[in-house]
Every structure is written in C-alpha cells, then in structure tokens.
Amino acid sequence: MVIANKLGGVSMAASRGETGSRRFVVSSITDLGTIVHQRRKEFGWSIVETSDAAGTSRYFVADLEKGKPSCQFDKVMAVLLALQLKVELRAGTHKPMASPKKASEGRGRRSLADGPAIPLGHVHNDPETVGCLECGKRVRNLQKHLSSTHSMRTIEYRRRWRLPDDFDLRPRAVADAIEIRKRVKGVLKRSD
C-alpha cells in the first residue's frame, strides 16, 4: 500500500520522494498510524480536531495512531481523506514469501477435524475459570478471550462447536453469583 499526499514538503515515515507529492510505503497498521500521527501534527490538529474533520470518534483516531489492528477500513479512509492523504495499491514484483494461510490458521482456530482442544466435560472443571474449546486455555472471561485471541464472537463459537443455547460459557462461580443476585433482587422487589 502506498499513501500519497499532494502537498509535498518534509518527508515522514519511510517516504520516497517524488516531485509534487510524497509516497509512503505502508507494510503494517503501525506504519499507517505513524503516518497519520505525523500528518496530523503537520496540520497542527489535535486528535479531537482530526476526529471532527473525519466524522469519527477521538478514540478511533487515537487507536489508529497507536496501530490498533482492528480499525474499521471505512473510518481509516475517512481519516486519510480528512488529512488529504490518498491510498494507491500497487502489485509487487517480488514473489510472496510463503503460501497464504488457510482462514482457520491465521486466527488461532483449530480445524474441526481435530476436534476441540479439551473434552466438553472439562469446560467447567474449575469453578473460577472456563475452558476454551479452541485452544484449551482456562480463562475467567471466555467472551473476551474469544474476541482477543481467536477473533470470534460467542455466537460463532457456539455454532462452531454445536453448543446448545443453554450451555453456560461463564465460570460456575460467576454464574452462581449472578443467580444469587437475581434471586435477592427478585425478593427485594416482591417485598416493596
């Protein structure tokens, strides 16, 4: 990916000088974040001013500048447009370093043929944690673990491992504490 601006001037982040415009080779979201940060500083804009110009939140601009990998593409494009940057894609002339991974490999997902990492009966062995069927790791918050490690929502997880809707994905201690709170709240409502 090549980012170009039409204004010329001082170079920033891996630039390749050309007359009339600067080009930046972007090989990661971190590179893009650095370019956005430097361009924002060239304009003399704060994060809030940049987010207002792009129609995004200030948190999004901050995350983009930090190189957060899950930034939404349409919002990234809005920020680039506000900063008068455009994107050009060019095919490389070199051969790829490795063959592309299968969709299930790159995101930490197990093959369905391999089956779950732990038996279904071992998911709730410990009252303080719940076992992940994808990797076998015991975690306190499965929803957060699935999102951050496997890029998966709980609905996808349930569908993938054919879990019924009533199968509890919370640790037993957490589920019990929530149930007790509901009961107490119900008793208090009835006494009013």
N, C-alpha and C. Protein backbone atom coordinates (compact mmCIF):
# COMPACT_ATOMS: atom_id res chain seq x y z
N MET A 1 0.85 -1.17 0.00
CA MET A 1 0.00 0.00 0.00
C MET A 1 0.89 1.22 0.00
N VAL A 2 0.54 2.17 -0.80
CA VAL A 2 1.28 3.41 -0.88
C VAL A 2 0.34 4.54 -0.50
N ILE A 3 0.76 5.38 0.43
CA ILE A 3 -0.02 6.55 0.81
C ILE A 3 0.65 7.76 0.16
N ALA A 4 -0.11 8.58 -0.52
CA ALA A 4 0.47 9.75 -1.18
C ALA A 4 -0.28 11.00 -0.73
N ASN A 5 0.42 12.09 -0.63
CA ASN A 5 -0.27 13.36 -0.41
C ASN A 5 0.16 14.31 -1.51
N LYS A 6 -0.65 15.29 -1.76
CA LYS A 6 -0.41 16.20 -2.88
C LYS A 6 0.37 17.45 -2.51
N LEU A 7 0.68 17.61 -1.22
CA LEU A 7 1.22 18.89 -0.79
C LEU A 7 2.74 18.98 -0.82
N GLY A 8 3.44 17.86 -0.88
CA GLY A 8 4.90 17.91 -0.86
C GLY A 8 5.41 18.35 0.49
N GLY A 9 6.70 18.67 0.61
CA GLY A 9 7.23 19.16 1.88
C GLY A 9 8.13 18.16 2.56
N VAL A 10 8.20 18.25 3.88
CA VAL A 10 9.10 17.43 4.67
C VAL A 10 8.68 15.97 4.60
N SER A 11 9.65 15.08 4.54
CA SER A 11 9.32 13.67 4.45
C SER A 11 8.94 13.13 5.81
N MET A 12 8.12 12.09 5.82
CA MET A 12 7.75 11.43 7.05
C MET A 12 7.69 9.94 6.82
N ALA A 13 8.05 9.17 7.80
CA ALA A 13 7.96 7.71 7.82
C ALA A 13 8.21 7.04 6.48
N ALA A 14 9.32 6.51 6.25
CA ALA A 14 9.64 5.71 5.06
C ALA A 14 9.13 6.33 3.77
N SER A 15 9.39 7.61 3.56
CA SER A 15 8.88 8.25 2.35
C SER A 15 9.82 8.04 1.19
N ARG A 16 9.26 8.10 0.00
CA ARG A 16 10.05 8.03 -1.23
C ARG A 16 9.73 9.29 -2.00
N GLY A 17 10.72 10.14 -2.13
CA GLY A 17 10.47 11.46 -2.72
C GLY A 17 10.14 11.39 -4.20
N GLU A 18 9.14 12.16 -4.58
CA GLU A 18 8.80 12.38 -5.98
C GLU A 18 8.42 13.84 -6.09
N THR A 19 8.47 14.37 -7.26
CA THR A 19 8.13 15.78 -7.42
C THR A 19 6.63 15.96 -7.27
N GLY A 20 6.23 16.94 -6.46
CA GLY A 20 4.83 17.27 -6.32
C GLY A 20 4.08 16.48 -5.27
N SER A 21 4.53 15.30 -4.94
CA SER A 21 3.84 14.53 -3.91
C SER A 21 4.83 13.61 -3.22
N ARG A 22 4.45 13.19 -2.03
CA ARG A 22 5.28 12.24 -1.29
C ARG A 22 4.56 10.90 -1.26
N ARG A 23 5.33 9.85 -1.27
CA ARG A 23 4.76 8.50 -1.22
C ARG A 23 5.35 7.78 -0.02
N PHE A 24 4.49 7.03 0.65
CA PHE A 24 4.90 6.28 1.83
C PHE A 24 4.50 4.83 1.64
N VAL A 25 5.44 3.94 1.80
CA VAL A 25 5.15 2.52 1.71
C VAL A 25 4.67 2.06 3.07
N VAL A 26 3.49 1.50 3.10
CA VAL A 26 2.88 1.04 4.35
C VAL A 26 2.86 -0.48 4.33
N SER A 27 3.55 -1.08 5.28
CA SER A 27 3.56 -2.54 5.35
C SER A 27 2.87 -3.07 6.59
N SER A 28 2.39 -2.17 7.45
CA SER A 28 1.66 -2.61 8.64
C SER A 28 0.76 -1.47 9.12
N ILE A 29 -0.17 -1.81 9.99
CA ILE A 29 -1.06 -0.79 10.55
C ILE A 29 -0.26 0.19 11.41
N THR A 30 0.84 -0.27 11.98
CA THR A 30 1.69 0.62 12.78
C THR A 30 2.30 1.71 11.89
N ASP A 31 2.76 1.32 10.69
CA ASP A 31 3.28 2.31 9.73
C ASP A 31 2.21 3.34 9.39
N LEU A 32 1.00 2.86 9.13
CA LEU A 32 -0.08 3.76 8.80
C LEU A 32 -0.39 4.71 9.95
N GLY A 33 -0.38 4.17 11.18
CA GLY A 33 -0.62 5.00 12.36
C GLY A 33 0.42 6.09 12.52
N THR A 34 1.68 5.75 12.24
CA THR A 34 2.76 6.74 12.33
C THR A 34 2.56 7.86 11.30
N ILE A 35 2.17 7.48 10.09
CA ILE A 35 1.94 8.48 9.04
C ILE A 35 0.77 9.38 9.41
N VAL A 36 -0.31 8.81 9.92
CA VAL A 36 -1.48 9.60 10.32
C VAL A 36 -1.08 10.56 11.44
N HIS A 37 -0.33 10.08 12.41
CA HIS A 37 0.11 10.94 13.53
C HIS A 37 0.95 12.11 13.03
N GLN A 38 1.95 11.81 12.19
CA GLN A 38 2.83 12.86 11.69
C GLN A 38 2.08 13.86 10.81
N ARG A 39 1.15 13.36 10.00
CA ARG A 39 0.38 14.24 9.14
C ARG A 39 -0.53 15.16 9.97
N ARG A 40 -1.12 14.59 11.02
CA ARG A 40 -1.96 15.39 11.91
C ARG A 40 -1.15 16.50 12.56
N LYS A 41 0.07 16.18 12.97
CA LYS A 41 0.95 17.18 13.58
C LYS A 41 1.35 18.26 12.56
N GLU A 42 1.56 17.86 11.29
CA GLU A 42 1.86 18.84 10.24
C GLU A 42 0.73 19.84 10.09
N PHE A 43 -0.52 19.37 10.20
CA PHE A 43 -1.68 20.24 10.10
C PHE A 43 -1.85 21.08 11.37
N GLY A 44 -1.19 20.68 12.45
CA GLY A 44 -1.35 21.37 13.73
C GLY A 44 -2.68 21.04 14.40
N TRP A 45 -3.24 19.89 14.08
CA TRP A 45 -4.54 19.48 14.60
C TRP A 45 -4.37 18.63 15.85
N SER A 46 -5.32 18.73 16.74
CA SER A 46 -5.41 17.81 17.88
C SER A 46 -6.15 16.56 17.41
N ILE A 47 -6.17 15.56 18.25
CA ILE A 47 -6.92 14.34 17.92
C ILE A 47 -8.40 14.66 17.76
N VAL A 48 -8.92 15.53 18.61
CA VAL A 48 -10.33 15.91 18.54
C VAL A 48 -10.65 16.62 17.23
N GLU A 49 -9.78 17.54 16.81
CA GLU A 49 -10.00 18.25 15.55
C GLU A 49 -9.95 17.28 14.36
N THR A 50 -9.04 16.33 14.42
CA THR A 50 -8.94 15.32 13.35
C THR A 50 -10.19 14.46 13.31
N SER A 51 -10.64 14.03 14.49
CA SER A 51 -11.84 13.18 14.54
C SER A 51 -13.07 13.94 14.05
N ASP A 52 -13.18 15.23 14.38
CA ASP A 52 -14.30 16.04 13.90
C ASP A 52 -14.27 16.16 12.37
N ALA A 53 -13.08 16.39 11.82
CA ALA A 53 -12.95 16.54 10.37
C ALA A 53 -13.28 15.23 9.65
N ALA A 54 -12.95 14.10 10.29
CA ALA A 54 -13.17 12.79 9.66
C ALA A 54 -14.54 12.21 9.97
N GLY A 55 -15.21 12.76 10.97
CA GLY A 55 -16.51 12.21 11.36
C GLY A 55 -16.40 10.92 12.15
N THR A 56 -15.30 10.77 12.89
CA THR A 56 -15.10 9.59 13.72
C THR A 56 -14.95 10.03 15.17
N SER A 57 -14.77 9.09 16.07
CA SER A 57 -14.56 9.45 17.47
C SER A 57 -13.07 9.71 17.71
N ARG A 58 -12.78 10.44 18.75
CA ARG A 58 -11.37 10.72 19.10
C ARG A 58 -10.67 9.43 19.50
N TYR A 59 -11.42 8.49 20.07
CA TYR A 59 -10.83 7.21 20.46
C TYR A 59 -10.36 6.44 19.23
N PHE A 60 -11.15 6.53 18.15
CA PHE A 60 -10.76 5.84 16.93
C PHE A 60 -9.45 6.39 16.38
N VAL A 61 -9.33 7.72 16.33
CA VAL A 61 -8.10 8.33 15.81
C VAL A 61 -6.91 7.94 16.68
N ALA A 62 -7.10 7.95 18.00
CA ALA A 62 -6.01 7.56 18.90
C ALA A 62 -5.63 6.10 18.67
N ASP A 63 -6.62 5.22 18.53
CA ASP A 63 -6.34 3.79 18.27
C ASP A 63 -5.62 3.61 16.94
N LEU A 64 -6.04 4.35 15.92
CA LEU A 64 -5.40 4.26 14.61
C LEU A 64 -3.94 4.68 14.70
N GLU A 65 -3.67 5.78 15.41
CA GLU A 65 -2.29 6.25 15.55
C GLU A 65 -1.43 5.27 16.34
N LYS A 66 -2.04 4.52 17.25
CA LYS A 66 -1.30 3.52 18.03
C LYS A 66 -1.08 2.23 17.24
N GLY A 67 -1.78 2.09 16.11
CA GLY A 67 -1.60 0.90 15.28
C GLY A 67 -2.52 -0.23 15.65
N LYS A 68 -3.70 0.08 16.20
CA LYS A 68 -4.65 -0.98 16.57
C LYS A 68 -5.04 -1.76 15.32
N PRO A 69 -4.89 -3.08 15.31
CA PRO A 69 -5.10 -3.85 14.10
C PRO A 69 -6.57 -4.01 13.68
N SER A 70 -7.51 -3.73 14.56
CA SER A 70 -8.92 -3.96 14.21
C SER A 70 -9.66 -2.69 13.82
N CYS A 71 -8.96 -1.67 13.37
CA CYS A 71 -9.61 -0.42 12.94
C CYS A 71 -10.45 -0.68 11.69
N GLN A 72 -11.66 -0.10 11.65
CA GLN A 72 -12.55 -0.27 10.52
C GLN A 72 -12.02 0.50 9.31
N PHE A 73 -12.03 -0.18 8.17
CA PHE A 73 -11.43 0.39 6.97
C PHE A 73 -12.11 1.67 6.53
N ASP A 74 -13.44 1.72 6.59
CA ASP A 74 -14.14 2.93 6.13
C ASP A 74 -13.78 4.14 6.99
N LYS A 75 -13.58 3.92 8.28
CA LYS A 75 -13.18 5.02 9.16
C LYS A 75 -11.73 5.42 8.91
N VAL A 76 -10.88 4.44 8.63
CA VAL A 76 -9.49 4.74 8.29
C VAL A 76 -9.47 5.63 7.05
N MET A 77 -10.27 5.27 6.05
CA MET A 77 -10.31 6.06 4.83
C MET A 77 -10.83 7.48 5.09
N ALA A 78 -11.78 7.62 6.00
CA ALA A 78 -12.31 8.95 6.35
C ALA A 78 -11.22 9.81 6.98
N VAL A 79 -10.41 9.21 7.86
CA VAL A 79 -9.31 9.96 8.49
C VAL A 79 -8.28 10.35 7.44
N LEU A 80 -7.93 9.43 6.55
CA LEU A 80 -6.95 9.74 5.49
C LEU A 80 -7.46 10.86 4.59
N LEU A 81 -8.74 10.83 4.26
CA LEU A 81 -9.32 11.88 3.43
C LEU A 81 -9.27 13.23 4.15
N ALA A 82 -9.57 13.25 5.44
CA ALA A 82 -9.54 14.49 6.21
C ALA A 82 -8.13 15.07 6.25
N LEU A 83 -7.13 14.19 6.25
CA LEU A 83 -5.73 14.62 6.29
C LEU A 83 -5.14 14.80 4.89
N GLN A 84 -5.99 14.78 3.88
CA GLN A 84 -5.60 14.95 2.49
C GLN A 84 -4.56 13.92 2.05
N LEU A 85 -4.81 12.67 2.44
CA LEU A 85 -3.98 11.54 2.02
C LEU A 85 -4.84 10.62 1.18
N LYS A 86 -4.25 10.00 0.17
CA LYS A 86 -4.99 9.04 -0.63
C LYS A 86 -4.22 7.73 -0.67
N VAL A 87 -4.92 6.67 -0.96
CA VAL A 87 -4.33 5.33 -0.98
C VAL A 87 -4.23 4.84 -2.41
N GLU A 88 -3.06 4.33 -2.76
CA GLU A 88 -2.85 3.69 -4.06
C GLU A 88 -2.32 2.30 -3.78
N LEU A 89 -2.90 1.31 -4.42
CA LEU A 89 -2.43 -0.06 -4.27
C LEU A 89 -1.68 -0.46 -5.53
N ARG A 90 -0.54 -1.05 -5.33
CA ARG A 90 0.26 -1.50 -6.48
C ARG A 90 0.69 -2.94 -6.25
N ALA A 91 0.65 -3.71 -7.29
CA ALA A 91 1.09 -5.09 -7.20
C ALA A 91 2.60 -5.11 -7.10
N GLY A 92 3.11 -5.93 -6.20
CA GLY A 92 4.55 -6.06 -6.05
C GLY A 92 5.14 -6.90 -7.16
N THR A 93 6.44 -6.75 -7.37
CA THR A 93 7.11 -7.52 -8.42
C THR A 93 7.80 -8.75 -7.87
N HIS A 94 7.89 -8.84 -6.54
CA HIS A 94 8.56 -9.99 -5.95
C HIS A 94 7.54 -11.09 -5.64
N LYS A 95 8.05 -12.32 -5.48
CA LYS A 95 7.18 -13.45 -5.18
C LYS A 95 6.81 -13.42 -3.70
N PRO A 96 5.65 -13.94 -3.36
CA PRO A 96 5.26 -13.99 -1.95
C PRO A 96 6.25 -14.84 -1.16
N MET A 97 6.46 -14.46 0.11
CA MET A 97 7.42 -15.19 0.95
C MET A 97 6.92 -16.57 1.30
N ALA A 98 5.63 -16.73 1.54
CA ALA A 98 5.07 -18.02 1.90
C ALA A 98 3.68 -18.13 1.29
N SER A 99 3.19 -19.35 1.19
CA SER A 99 1.85 -19.53 0.64
C SER A 99 0.84 -18.97 1.63
N PRO A 100 -0.27 -18.47 1.14
CA PRO A 100 -1.28 -17.92 2.04
C PRO A 100 -1.80 -18.99 3.00
N LYS A 101 -2.08 -18.56 4.24
CA LYS A 101 -2.60 -19.50 5.24
C LYS A 101 -4.09 -19.72 4.99
N LYS A 102 -4.57 -20.86 5.46
CA LYS A 102 -6.00 -21.11 5.41
C LYS A 102 -6.66 -20.15 6.38
N ALA A 103 -7.93 -19.87 6.17
CA ALA A 103 -8.65 -18.94 7.03
C ALA A 103 -8.61 -19.39 8.49
N SER A 104 -8.62 -20.69 8.73
CA SER A 104 -8.65 -21.18 10.11
C SER A 104 -7.30 -21.10 10.80
N GLU A 105 -6.20 -20.98 10.04
CA GLU A 105 -4.87 -20.99 10.65
C GLU A 105 -4.49 -19.66 11.27
N GLY A 106 -4.66 -18.56 10.55
CA GLY A 106 -4.14 -17.28 10.96
C GLY A 106 -4.78 -16.71 12.20
N ARG A 107 -5.98 -17.15 12.56
CA ARG A 107 -6.67 -16.53 13.66
C ARG A 107 -6.70 -17.42 14.90
N GLY A 108 -5.84 -18.41 14.98
CA GLY A 108 -5.76 -19.23 16.17
C GLY A 108 -6.90 -20.22 16.28
N ARG A 109 -7.52 -20.61 15.17
CA ARG A 109 -8.64 -21.53 15.22
C ARG A 109 -8.17 -22.94 14.92
N ARG A 110 -8.77 -23.89 15.61
CA ARG A 110 -8.49 -25.30 15.38
C ARG A 110 -9.30 -25.78 14.18
N SER A 111 -8.78 -26.79 13.54
CA SER A 111 -9.54 -27.43 12.48
C SER A 111 -10.66 -28.25 13.14
N LEU A 112 -11.82 -28.25 12.55
CA LEU A 112 -12.92 -29.04 13.10
C LEU A 112 -12.59 -30.53 13.07
N ALA A 113 -11.77 -30.94 12.12
CA ALA A 113 -11.38 -32.35 12.05
C ALA A 113 -10.55 -32.76 13.27
N ASP A 114 -9.81 -31.81 13.83
CA ASP A 114 -9.01 -32.11 15.03
C ASP A 114 -9.87 -32.22 16.28
N GLY A 115 -11.07 -31.69 16.24
CA GLY A 115 -11.95 -31.70 17.40
C GLY A 115 -11.54 -30.63 18.39
N PRO A 116 -12.28 -30.51 19.50
CA PRO A 116 -11.96 -29.48 20.49
C PRO A 116 -10.64 -29.77 21.20
N ALA A 117 -10.01 -28.71 21.71
CA ALA A 117 -8.73 -28.86 22.40
C ALA A 117 -8.89 -29.58 23.73
N ILE A 118 -10.05 -29.45 24.36
CA ILE A 118 -10.34 -30.17 25.60
C ILE A 118 -11.71 -30.83 25.47
N PRO A 119 -11.95 -31.93 26.17
CA PRO A 119 -13.27 -32.56 26.11
C PRO A 119 -14.34 -31.61 26.66
N LEU A 120 -15.54 -31.70 26.13
CA LEU A 120 -16.63 -30.83 26.54
C LEU A 120 -16.91 -30.94 28.04
N GLY A 121 -16.72 -32.11 28.59
CA GLY A 121 -16.96 -32.31 30.03
C GLY A 121 -15.95 -31.60 30.92
N HIS A 122 -14.83 -31.16 30.36
CA HIS A 122 -13.78 -30.49 31.15
C HIS A 122 -13.87 -28.97 31.09
N VAL A 123 -14.86 -28.44 30.38
CA VAL A 123 -15.01 -26.99 30.25
C VAL A 123 -15.24 -26.34 31.60
N HIS A 124 -16.06 -26.98 32.46
CA HIS A 124 -16.41 -26.39 33.76
C HIS A 124 -15.76 -27.12 34.94
N ASN A 125 -14.58 -27.70 34.77
CA ASN A 125 -13.91 -28.42 35.86
C ASN A 125 -13.57 -27.52 37.04
N ASP A 126 -13.11 -26.32 36.77
CA ASP A 126 -12.71 -25.37 37.81
C ASP A 126 -13.82 -24.34 37.98
N PRO A 127 -14.27 -24.08 39.22
CA PRO A 127 -15.37 -23.12 39.40
C PRO A 127 -15.00 -21.68 39.07
N GLU A 128 -13.72 -21.34 39.07
CA GLU A 128 -13.28 -19.96 38.83
C GLU A 128 -12.96 -19.66 37.37
N THR A 129 -12.80 -20.70 36.55
CA THR A 129 -12.44 -20.50 35.15
C THR A 129 -13.31 -21.39 34.26
N VAL A 130 -13.25 -21.09 32.97
CA VAL A 130 -13.93 -21.91 31.97
C VAL A 130 -12.90 -22.26 30.89
N GLY A 131 -12.96 -23.48 30.38
CA GLY A 131 -12.01 -23.92 29.36
C GLY A 131 -12.44 -23.53 27.97
N CYS A 132 -11.50 -23.13 27.15
CA CYS A 132 -11.76 -22.76 25.75
C CYS A 132 -11.61 -24.01 24.88
N LEU A 133 -12.62 -24.32 24.11
CA LEU A 133 -12.57 -25.49 23.22
C LEU A 133 -11.63 -25.27 22.04
N GLU A 134 -11.34 -24.02 21.71
CA GLU A 134 -10.44 -23.70 20.60
C GLU A 134 -8.98 -24.03 20.93
N CYS A 135 -8.52 -23.57 22.11
CA CYS A 135 -7.09 -23.70 22.44
C CYS A 135 -6.83 -24.46 23.73
N GLY A 136 -7.86 -24.71 24.53
CA GLY A 136 -7.69 -25.45 25.77
C GLY A 136 -7.31 -24.59 26.95
N LYS A 137 -7.11 -23.31 26.74
CA LYS A 137 -6.72 -22.41 27.82
C LYS A 137 -7.89 -22.19 28.78
N ARG A 138 -7.58 -22.12 30.08
CA ARG A 138 -8.60 -21.84 31.09
C ARG A 138 -8.59 -20.33 31.35
N VAL A 139 -9.75 -19.70 31.20
CA VAL A 139 -9.86 -18.26 31.33
C VAL A 139 -11.04 -17.89 32.22
N ARG A 140 -11.00 -16.67 32.77
CA ARG A 140 -12.11 -16.19 33.61
C ARG A 140 -13.22 -15.57 32.77
N ASN A 141 -12.86 -15.00 31.63
CA ASN A 141 -13.84 -14.36 30.76
C ASN A 141 -13.68 -14.93 29.35
N LEU A 142 -14.50 -15.89 29.01
CA LEU A 142 -14.38 -16.57 27.72
C LEU A 142 -14.72 -15.64 26.56
N GLN A 143 -15.71 -14.78 26.73
CA GLN A 143 -16.09 -13.86 25.66
C GLN A 143 -14.92 -12.96 25.26
N LYS A 144 -14.22 -12.40 26.26
CA LYS A 144 -13.07 -11.55 25.99
C LYS A 144 -11.94 -12.36 25.34
N HIS A 145 -11.70 -13.57 25.84
CA HIS A 145 -10.65 -14.44 25.30
C HIS A 145 -10.93 -14.77 23.83
N LEU A 146 -12.18 -15.13 23.52
CA LEU A 146 -12.52 -15.48 22.14
C LEU A 146 -12.31 -14.30 21.21
N SER A 147 -12.71 -13.12 21.67
CA SER A 147 -12.57 -11.92 20.85
C SER A 147 -11.11 -11.56 20.60
N SER A 148 -10.31 -11.55 21.65
CA SER A 148 -8.92 -11.09 21.52
C SER A 148 -7.99 -12.14 20.92
N THR A 149 -8.18 -13.40 21.26
CA THR A 149 -7.26 -14.44 20.81
C THR A 149 -7.69 -15.11 19.51
N HIS A 150 -8.98 -15.34 19.37
CA HIS A 150 -9.46 -16.11 18.22
C HIS A 150 -10.29 -15.29 17.24
N SER A 151 -10.45 -13.99 17.47
CA SER A 151 -11.26 -13.11 16.62
C SER A 151 -12.63 -13.73 16.35
N MET A 152 -13.28 -14.14 17.42
CA MET A 152 -14.54 -14.87 17.30
C MET A 152 -15.53 -14.37 18.34
N ARG A 153 -16.79 -14.26 17.94
CA ARG A 153 -17.85 -13.92 18.89
C ARG A 153 -18.41 -15.20 19.49
N THR A 154 -19.10 -15.07 20.61
CA THR A 154 -19.62 -16.26 21.28
C THR A 154 -20.64 -17.00 20.42
N ILE A 155 -21.40 -16.27 19.61
CA ILE A 155 -22.39 -16.94 18.75
C ILE A 155 -21.69 -17.84 17.72
N GLU A 156 -20.55 -17.37 17.19
CA GLU A 156 -19.77 -18.18 16.25
C GLU A 156 -19.20 -19.40 16.95
N TYR A 157 -18.72 -19.19 18.19
CA TYR A 157 -18.14 -20.25 19.00
C TYR A 157 -19.19 -21.34 19.26
N ARG A 158 -20.38 -20.93 19.66
CA ARG A 158 -21.46 -21.90 19.92
C ARG A 158 -21.80 -22.68 18.65
N ARG A 159 -21.90 -21.97 17.53
CA ARG A 159 -22.25 -22.62 16.27
C ARG A 159 -21.14 -23.58 15.84
N ARG A 160 -19.90 -23.15 15.98
CA ARG A 160 -18.74 -23.95 15.55
C ARG A 160 -18.65 -25.27 16.30
N TRP A 161 -18.86 -25.22 17.61
CA TRP A 161 -18.74 -26.42 18.44
C TRP A 161 -20.10 -27.04 18.76
N ARG A 162 -21.14 -26.57 18.08
CA ARG A 162 -22.50 -27.10 18.22
C ARG A 162 -22.94 -27.14 19.69
N LEU A 163 -22.76 -26.03 20.37
CA LEU A 163 -23.17 -25.93 21.78
C LEU A 163 -24.61 -25.44 21.85
N PRO A 164 -25.42 -26.05 22.72
CA PRO A 164 -26.81 -25.58 22.84
C PRO A 164 -26.87 -24.17 23.44
N ASP A 165 -27.98 -23.48 23.22
CA ASP A 165 -28.13 -22.12 23.71
C ASP A 165 -28.05 -22.03 25.23
N ASP A 166 -28.45 -23.10 25.92
CA ASP A 166 -28.44 -23.06 27.39
C ASP A 166 -27.09 -23.49 27.99
N PHE A 167 -26.11 -23.79 27.15
CA PHE A 167 -24.77 -24.15 27.66
C PHE A 167 -24.08 -22.88 28.17
N ASP A 168 -23.76 -22.85 29.45
CA ASP A 168 -23.22 -21.65 30.09
C ASP A 168 -21.73 -21.50 29.77
N LEU A 169 -21.37 -20.35 29.23
CA LEU A 169 -19.98 -20.07 28.86
C LEU A 169 -19.25 -19.29 29.95
N ARG A 170 -19.89 -19.13 31.10
CA ARG A 170 -19.26 -18.42 32.22
C ARG A 170 -18.72 -19.44 33.21
N PRO A 171 -17.70 -19.07 34.00
CA PRO A 171 -17.25 -19.95 35.08
C PRO A 171 -18.41 -20.18 36.06
N ARG A 172 -18.44 -21.33 36.70
CA ARG A 172 -19.55 -21.66 37.61
C ARG A 172 -19.70 -20.65 38.72
N ALA A 173 -18.58 -20.19 39.30
CA ALA A 173 -18.65 -19.23 40.40
C ALA A 173 -19.32 -17.94 39.95
N VAL A 174 -19.01 -17.48 38.75
CA VAL A 174 -19.61 -16.25 38.22
C VAL A 174 -21.10 -16.46 37.98
N ALA A 175 -21.46 -17.58 37.36
CA ALA A 175 -22.87 -17.87 37.09
C ALA A 175 -23.66 -17.97 38.39
N ASP A 176 -23.09 -18.64 39.40
CA ASP A 176 -23.77 -18.76 40.70
C ASP A 176 -23.96 -17.41 41.37
N ALA A 177 -22.94 -16.56 41.32
CA ALA A 177 -23.02 -15.22 41.94
C ALA A 177 -24.11 -14.39 41.26
N ILE A 178 -24.20 -14.46 39.94
CA ILE A 178 -25.22 -13.71 39.21
C ILE A 178 -26.61 -14.24 39.55
N GLU A 179 -26.74 -15.55 39.65
CA GLU A 179 -28.02 -16.15 40.00
C GLU A 179 -28.47 -15.72 41.40
N ILE A 180 -27.55 -15.67 42.34
CA ILE A 180 -27.87 -15.23 43.71
C ILE A 180 -28.33 -13.78 43.69
N ARG A 181 -27.63 -12.92 42.94
CA ARG A 181 -28.02 -11.51 42.84
C ARG A 181 -29.42 -11.36 42.26
N LYS A 182 -29.75 -12.17 41.24
CA LYS A 182 -31.08 -12.10 40.65
C LYS A 182 -32.14 -12.51 41.66
N ARG A 183 -31.86 -13.56 42.42
CA ARG A 183 -32.83 -14.02 43.42
C ARG A 183 -33.04 -12.95 44.49
N VAL A 184 -31.95 -12.37 44.99
CA VAL A 184 -32.06 -11.34 46.02
C VAL A 184 -32.83 -10.14 45.48
N LYS A 185 -32.53 -9.75 44.26
CA LYS A 185 -33.22 -8.62 43.64
C LYS A 185 -34.71 -8.92 43.50
N GLY A 186 -35.05 -10.15 43.13
CA GLY A 186 -36.46 -10.55 43.00
C GLY A 186 -37.18 -10.52 44.33
N VAL A 187 -36.50 -10.97 45.40
CA VAL A 187 -37.09 -10.94 46.74
C VAL A 187 -37.32 -9.50 47.19
N LEU A 188 -36.35 -8.64 46.91
CA LEU A 188 -36.49 -7.23 47.30
C LEU A 188 -37.63 -6.57 46.55
N LYS A 189 -37.83 -6.89 45.28
CA LYS A 189 -38.93 -6.30 44.50
C LYS A 189 -40.28 -6.74 45.05
N ARG A 190 -40.39 -8.02 45.44
CA ARG A 190 -41.65 -8.53 45.96
C ARG A 190 -41.99 -7.91 47.32
N SER A 191 -40.97 -7.57 48.12
CA SER A 191 -41.23 -7.02 49.45
C SER A 191 -41.66 -5.55 49.40
N ASP A 192 -41.46 -4.88 48.25
CA ASP A 192 -41.84 -3.47 48.14
C ASP A 192 -43.29 -3.28 48.04
